[in-house]
Amino acid sequence: LLSGAVLTETIFNWPGLGRYATTSVTSLDFPAVMGVTLVAAIVYPTVNTLVDIGYRVVDPRVGVE
């Protein structure tokens, strides 16, 4: 998840969470690294759950077996 953000932000020179994570790791800013990890750990399953719900709404044949 974050590797794509780091790559995109490096190529296009955009400031963002990926660059913040990279800078935090290289400067040994452990609270920032833990914060970025926590955000990624919350966002990833939340987005996956929302996508699963969206699939169910769009195509009712997709369901719980």
PDB file of N, CA and C in Angstrom:
ATOM      1  N   LEU A   1       0.835  -1.197   0.000  1.00  0.00           N
ATOM      2  CA  LEU A   1       0.000   0.000   0.000  1.00  0.00           C
ATOM      3  C   LEU A   1       0.874   1.252   0.000  1.00  0.00           C
ATOM      4  N   LEU A   2       1.765   1.317   0.941  1.00  0.00           N
ATOM      5  CA  LEU A   2       2.603   2.508   1.019  1.00  0.00           C
ATOM      6  C   LEU A   2       3.705   2.520  -0.026  1.00  0.00           C
ATOM      7  N   SER A   3       4.110   1.355  -0.510  1.00  0.00           N
ATOM      8  CA  SER A   3       5.188   1.342  -1.504  1.00  0.00           C
ATOM      9  C   SER A   3       4.753   2.040  -2.787  1.00  0.00           C
ATOM     10  N   GLY A   4       3.495   1.872  -3.168  1.00  0.00           N
ATOM     11  CA  GLY A   4       2.980   2.579  -4.337  1.00  0.00           C
ATOM     12  C   GLY A   4       2.935   4.077  -4.112  1.00  0.00           C
ATOM     13  N   ALA A   5       2.590   4.482  -2.905  1.00  0.00           N
ATOM     14  CA  ALA A   5       2.559   5.908  -2.584  1.00  0.00           C
ATOM     15  C   ALA A   5       3.965   6.494  -2.616  1.00  0.00           C
ATOM     16  N   VAL A   6       4.920   5.765  -2.080  1.00  0.00           N
ATOM     17  CA  VAL A   6       6.306   6.244  -2.079  1.00  0.00           C
ATOM     18  C   VAL A   6       6.809   6.388  -3.509  1.00  0.00           C
ATOM     19  N   LEU A   7       6.547   5.399  -4.335  1.00  0.00           N
ATOM     20  CA  LEU A   7       6.999   5.436  -5.730  1.00  0.00           C
ATOM     21  C   LEU A   7       6.354   6.594  -6.486  1.00  0.00           C
ATOM     22  N   THR A   8       5.054   6.755  -6.357  1.00  0.00           N
ATOM     23  CA  THR A   8       4.347   7.832  -7.056  1.00  0.00           C
ATOM     24  C   THR A   8       4.815   9.201  -6.584  1.00  0.00           C
ATOM     25  N   GLU A   9       4.966   9.357  -5.284  1.00  0.00           N
ATOM     26  CA  GLU A   9       5.377  10.654  -4.749  1.00  0.00           C
ATOM     27  C   GLU A   9       6.821  10.979  -5.105  1.00  0.00           C
ATOM     28  N   THR A  10       7.644   9.964  -5.255  1.00  0.00           N
ATOM     29  CA  THR A  10       9.027  10.199  -5.658  1.00  0.00           C
ATOM     30  C   THR A  10       9.099  10.594  -7.130  1.00  0.00           C
ATOM     31  N   ILE A  11       8.365   9.899  -7.980  1.00  0.00           N
ATOM     32  CA  ILE A  11       8.409  10.186  -9.420  1.00  0.00           C
ATOM     33  C   ILE A  11       7.842  11.570  -9.722  1.00  0.00           C
ATOM     34  N   PHE A  12       6.694  11.909  -9.139  1.00  0.00           N
ATOM     35  CA  PHE A  12       6.030  13.172  -9.453  1.00  0.00           C
ATOM     36  C   PHE A  12       6.357  14.297  -8.473  1.00  0.00           C
ATOM     37  N   ASN A  13       7.231  14.018  -7.509  1.00  0.00           N
ATOM     38  CA  ASN A  13       7.665  15.015  -6.535  1.00  0.00           C
ATOM     39  C   ASN A  13       6.485  15.628  -5.771  1.00  0.00           C
ATOM     40  N   TRP A  14       5.557  14.768  -5.361  1.00  0.00           N
ATOM     41  CA  TRP A  14       4.403  15.194  -4.576  1.00  0.00           C
ATOM     42  C   TRP A  14       4.669  14.939  -3.097  1.00  0.00           C
ATOM     43  N   PRO A  15       4.366  15.905  -2.243  1.00  0.00           N
ATOM     44  CA  PRO A  15       4.459  15.615  -0.810  1.00  0.00           C
ATOM     45  C   PRO A  15       3.237  14.806  -0.381  1.00  0.00           C
ATOM     46  N   GLY A  16       3.449  13.851   0.484  1.00  0.00           N
ATOM     47  CA  GLY A  16       2.327  13.035   0.932  1.00  0.00           C
ATOM     48  C   GLY A  16       2.744  12.048   1.994  1.00  0.00           C
ATOM     49  N   LEU A  17       1.869  11.093   2.254  1.00  0.00           N
ATOM     50  CA  LEU A  17       2.091  10.123   3.321  1.00  0.00           C
ATOM     51  C   LEU A  17       3.276   9.214   3.027  1.00  0.00           C
ATOM     52  N   GLY A  18       3.480   8.847   1.786  1.00  0.00           N
ATOM     53  CA  GLY A  18       4.614   7.996   1.433  1.00  0.00           C
ATOM     54  C   GLY A  18       5.945   8.677   1.683  1.00  0.00           C
ATOM     55  N   ARG A  19       6.044   9.918   1.276  1.00  0.00           N
ATOM     56  CA  ARG A  19       7.278  10.665   1.520  1.00  0.00           C
ATOM     57  C   ARG A  19       7.475  10.898   3.014  1.00  0.00           C
ATOM     58  N   TYR A  20       6.386  11.181   3.705  1.00  0.00           N
ATOM     59  CA  TYR A  20       6.461  11.371   5.153  1.00  0.00           C
ATOM     60  C   TYR A  20       6.961  10.101   5.831  1.00  0.00           C
ATOM     61  N   ALA A  21       6.467   8.948   5.388  1.00  0.00           N
ATOM     62  CA  ALA A  21       6.908   7.674   5.957  1.00  0.00           C
ATOM     63  C   ALA A  21       8.382   7.437   5.672  1.00  0.00           C
ATOM     64  N   THR A  22       8.813   7.700   4.453  1.00  0.00           N
ATOM     65  CA  THR A  22      10.213   7.504   4.094  1.00  0.00           C
ATOM     66  C   THR A  22      11.123   8.424   4.896  1.00  0.00           C
ATOM     67  N   THR A  23      10.744   9.681   5.009  1.00  0.00           N
ATOM     68  CA  THR A  23      11.532  10.630   5.785  1.00  0.00           C
ATOM     69  C   THR A  23      11.571  10.238   7.253  1.00  0.00           C
ATOM     70  N   SER A  24      10.463   9.762   7.770  1.00  0.00           N
ATOM     71  CA  SER A  24      10.403   9.347   9.174  1.00  0.00           C
ATOM     72  C   SER A  24      11.305   8.152   9.439  1.00  0.00           C
ATOM     73  N   VAL A  25      11.323   7.201   8.515  1.00  0.00           N
ATOM     74  CA  VAL A  25      12.173   6.019   8.694  1.00  0.00           C
ATOM     75  C   VAL A  25      13.645   6.406   8.636  1.00  0.00           C
ATOM     76  N   THR A  26      14.013   7.240   7.678  1.00  0.00           N
ATOM     77  CA  THR A  26      15.426   7.604   7.543  1.00  0.00           C
ATOM     78  C   THR A  26      15.914   8.489   8.680  1.00  0.00           C
ATOM     79  N   SER A  27      15.020   9.260   9.292  1.00  0.00           N
ATOM     80  CA  SER A  27      15.420  10.113  10.410  1.00  0.00           C
ATOM     81  C   SER A  27      15.130   9.477  11.766  1.00  0.00           C
ATOM     82  N   LEU A  28      14.721   8.206  11.765  1.00  0.00           N
ATOM     83  CA  LEU A  28      14.443   7.444  12.991  1.00  0.00           C
ATOM     84  C   LEU A  28      13.401   8.125  13.878  1.00  0.00           C
ATOM     85  N   ASP A  29      12.364   8.648  13.254  1.00  0.00           N
ATOM     86  CA  ASP A  29      11.252   9.264  13.979  1.00  0.00           C
ATOM     87  C   ASP A  29      10.202   8.180  14.244  1.00  0.00           C
ATOM     88  N   PHE A  30      10.393   7.437  15.333  1.00  0.00           N
ATOM     89  CA  PHE A  30       9.571   6.264  15.602  1.00  0.00           C
ATOM     90  C   PHE A  30       8.088   6.569  15.829  1.00  0.00           C
ATOM     91  N   PRO A  31       7.720   7.638  16.536  1.00  0.00           N
ATOM     92  CA  PRO A  31       6.282   7.925  16.660  1.00  0.00           C
ATOM     93  C   PRO A  31       5.610   8.178  15.308  1.00  0.00           C
ATOM     94  N   ALA A  32       6.309   8.843  14.402  1.00  0.00           N
ATOM     95  CA  ALA A  32       5.734   9.087  13.076  1.00  0.00           C
ATOM     96  C   ALA A  32       5.606   7.786  12.291  1.00  0.00           C
ATOM     97  N   VAL A  33       6.602   6.915  12.402  1.00  0.00           N
ATOM     98  CA  VAL A  33       6.541   5.621  11.718  1.00  0.00           C
ATOM     99  C   VAL A  33       5.371   4.801  12.253  1.00  0.00           C
ATOM    100  N   MET A  34       5.195   4.801  13.569  1.00  0.00           N
ATOM    101  CA  MET A  34       4.074   4.064  14.161  1.00  0.00           C
ATOM    102  C   MET A  34       2.740   4.669  13.737  1.00  0.00           C
ATOM    103  N   GLY A  35       2.673   5.992  13.624  1.00  0.00           N
ATOM    104  CA  GLY A  35       1.444   6.647  13.180  1.00  0.00           C
ATOM    105  C   GLY A  35       1.089   6.301  11.747  1.00  0.00           C
ATOM    106  N   VAL A  36       2.079   6.319  10.867  1.00  0.00           N
ATOM    107  CA  VAL A  36       1.842   5.959   9.466  1.00  0.00           C
ATOM    108  C   VAL A  36       1.410   4.505   9.368  1.00  0.00           C
ATOM    109  N   THR A  37       2.052   3.639  10.146  1.00  0.00           N
ATOM    110  CA  THR A  37       1.685   2.222  10.148  1.00  0.00           C
ATOM    111  C   THR A  37       0.260   2.033  10.656  1.00  0.00           C
ATOM    112  N   LEU A  38      -0.112   2.762  11.694  1.00  0.00           N
ATOM    113  CA  LEU A  38      -1.463   2.672  12.237  1.00  0.00           C
ATOM    114  C   LEU A  38      -2.499   3.144  11.223  1.00  0.00           C
ATOM    115  N   VAL A  39      -2.217   4.247  10.554  1.00  0.00           N
ATOM    116  CA  VAL A  39      -3.145   4.755   9.540  1.00  0.00           C
ATOM    117  C   VAL A  39      -3.314   3.737   8.415  1.00  0.00           C
ATOM    118  N   ALA A  40      -2.208   3.161   7.952  1.00  0.00           N
ATOM    119  CA  ALA A  40      -2.282   2.160   6.884  1.00  0.00           C
ATOM    120  C   ALA A  40      -3.040   0.929   7.350  1.00  0.00           C
ATOM    121  N   ALA A  41      -2.829   0.539   8.610  1.00  0.00           N
ATOM    122  CA  ALA A  41      -3.502  -0.650   9.144  1.00  0.00           C
ATOM    123  C   ALA A  41      -5.001  -0.426   9.316  1.00  0.00           C
ATOM    124  N   ILE A  42      -5.424   0.796   9.475  1.00  0.00           N
ATOM    125  CA  ILE A  42      -6.854   1.093   9.609  1.00  0.00           C
ATOM    126  C   ILE A  42      -7.491   1.316   8.235  1.00  0.00           C
ATOM    127  N   VAL A  43      -6.805   2.038   7.366  1.00  0.00           N
ATOM    128  CA  VAL A  43      -7.371   2.390   6.064  1.00  0.00           C
ATOM    129  C   VAL A  43      -7.516   1.170   5.164  1.00  0.00           C
ATOM    130  N   TYR A  44      -6.522   0.296   5.128  1.00  0.00           N
ATOM    131  CA  TYR A  44      -6.533  -0.840   4.205  1.00  0.00           C
ATOM    132  C   TYR A  44      -7.742  -1.758   4.412  1.00  0.00           C
ATOM    133  N   PRO A  45      -8.003  -2.271   5.624  1.00  0.00           N
ATOM    134  CA  PRO A  45      -9.184  -3.131   5.772  1.00  0.00           C
ATOM    135  C   PRO A  45     -10.505  -2.372   5.640  1.00  0.00           C
ATOM    136  N   THR A  46     -10.508  -1.093   6.011  1.00  0.00           N
ATOM    137  CA  THR A  46     -11.728  -0.303   5.873  1.00  0.00           C
ATOM    138  C   THR A  46     -12.107  -0.147   4.400  1.00  0.00           C
ATOM    139  N   VAL A  47     -11.142   0.184   3.570  1.00  0.00           N
ATOM    140  CA  VAL A  47     -11.406   0.332   2.137  1.00  0.00           C
ATOM    141  C   VAL A  47     -11.806  -1.011   1.532  1.00  0.00           C
ATOM    142  N   ASN A  48     -11.142  -2.089   1.931  1.00  0.00           N
ATOM    143  CA  ASN A  48     -11.513  -3.409   1.414  1.00  0.00           C
ATOM    144  C   ASN A  48     -12.944  -3.775   1.788  1.00  0.00           C
ATOM    145  N   THR A  49     -13.356  -3.466   2.999  1.00  0.00           N
ATOM    146  CA  THR A  49     -14.721  -3.741   3.426  1.00  0.00           C
ATOM    147  C   THR A  49     -15.723  -2.910   2.625  1.00  0.00           C
ATOM    148  N   LEU A  50     -15.414  -1.643   2.410  1.00  0.00           N
ATOM    149  CA  LEU A  50     -16.304  -0.787   1.621  1.00  0.00           C
ATOM    150  C   LEU A  50     -16.415  -1.270   0.176  1.00  0.00           C
ATOM    151  N   VAL A  51     -15.327  -1.746  -0.393  1.00  0.00           N
ATOM    152  CA  VAL A  51     -15.364  -2.285  -1.755  1.00  0.00           C
ATOM    153  C   VAL A  51     -16.213  -3.543  -1.795  1.00  0.00           C
ATOM    154  N   ASP A  52     -16.084  -4.413  -0.802  1.00  0.00           N
ATOM    155  CA  ASP A  52     -16.913  -5.618  -0.748  1.00  0.00           C
ATOM    156  C   ASP A  52     -18.395  -5.266  -0.652  1.00  0.00           C
ATOM    157  N   ILE A  53     -18.720  -4.269   0.144  1.00  0.00           N
ATOM    158  CA  ILE A  53     -20.111  -3.824   0.259  1.00  0.00           C
ATOM    159  C   ILE A  53     -20.584  -3.241  -1.072  1.00  0.00           C
ATOM    160  N   GLY A  54     -19.704  -2.473  -1.731  1.00  0.00           N
ATOM    161  CA  GLY A  54     -20.052  -1.905  -3.032  1.00  0.00           C
ATOM    162  C   GLY A  54     -20.310  -2.972  -4.079  1.00  0.00           C
ATOM    163  N   TYR A  55     -19.504  -4.044  -4.071  1.00  0.00           N
ATOM    164  CA  TYR A  55     -19.747  -5.155  -4.994  1.00  0.00           C
ATOM    165  C   TYR A  55     -21.113  -5.765  -4.744  1.00  0.00           C
ATOM    166  N   ARG A  56     -21.479  -5.922  -3.498  1.00  0.00           N
ATOM    167  CA  ARG A  56     -22.772  -6.520  -3.136  1.00  0.00           C
ATOM    168  C   ARG A  56     -23.923  -5.629  -3.600  1.00  0.00           C
ATOM    169  N   VAL A  57     -23.757  -4.321  -3.502  1.00  0.00           N
ATOM    170  CA  VAL A  57     -24.805  -3.392  -3.929  1.00  0.00           C
ATOM    171  C   VAL A  57     -24.944  -3.400  -5.452  1.00  0.00           C
ATOM    172  N   VAL A  58     -23.830  -3.403  -6.156  1.00  0.00           N
ATOM    173  CA  VAL A  58     -23.853  -3.347  -7.616  1.00  0.00           C
ATOM    174  C   VAL A  58     -24.344  -4.657  -8.218  1.00  0.00           C
ATOM    175  N   ASP A  59     -23.901  -5.787  -7.668  1.00  0.00           N
ATOM    176  CA  ASP A  59     -24.260  -7.097  -8.214  1.00  0.00           C
ATOM    177  C   ASP A  59     -24.782  -7.980  -7.085  1.00  0.00           C
ATOM    178  N   PRO A  60     -26.091  -8.086  -6.940  1.00  0.00           N
ATOM    179  CA  PRO A  60     -26.669  -8.866  -5.837  1.00  0.00           C
ATOM    180  C   PRO A  60     -26.316 -10.352  -5.875  1.00  0.00           C
ATOM    181  N   ARG A  61     -25.843 -10.850  -7.022  1.00  0.00           N
ATOM    182  CA  ARG A  61     -25.449 -12.262  -7.083  1.00  0.00           C
ATOM    183  C   ARG A  61     -24.225 -12.538  -6.219  1.00  0.00           C
ATOM    184  N   VAL A  62     -23.444 -11.504  -5.975  1.00  0.00           N
ATOM    185  CA  VAL A  62     -22.287 -11.653  -5.101  1.00  0.00           C
ATOM    186  C   VAL A  62     -22.803 -11.626  -3.676  1.00  0.00           C
ATOM    187  N   GLY A  63     -22.623 -12.704  -2.969  1.00  0.00           N
ATOM    188  CA  GLY A  63     -23.161 -12.752  -1.617  1.00  0.00           C
ATOM    189  C   GLY A  63     -22.362 -13.654  -0.716  1.00  0.00           C
ATOM    190  N   VAL A  64     -22.816 -13.726   0.486  1.00  0.00           N
ATOM    191  CA  VAL A  64     -22.184 -14.573   1.477  1.00  0.00           C
ATOM    192  C   VAL A  64     -22.685 -15.995   1.277  1.00  0.00           C
ATOM    193  N   GLU A  65     -21.763 -16.924   1.228  1.00  0.00           N
ATOM    194  CA  GLU A  65     -22.150 -18.326   1.022  1.00  0.00           C
ATOM    195  C   GLU A  65     -22.278 -19.048   2.340  1.00  0.00           C
TER     196      GLU A  65
END
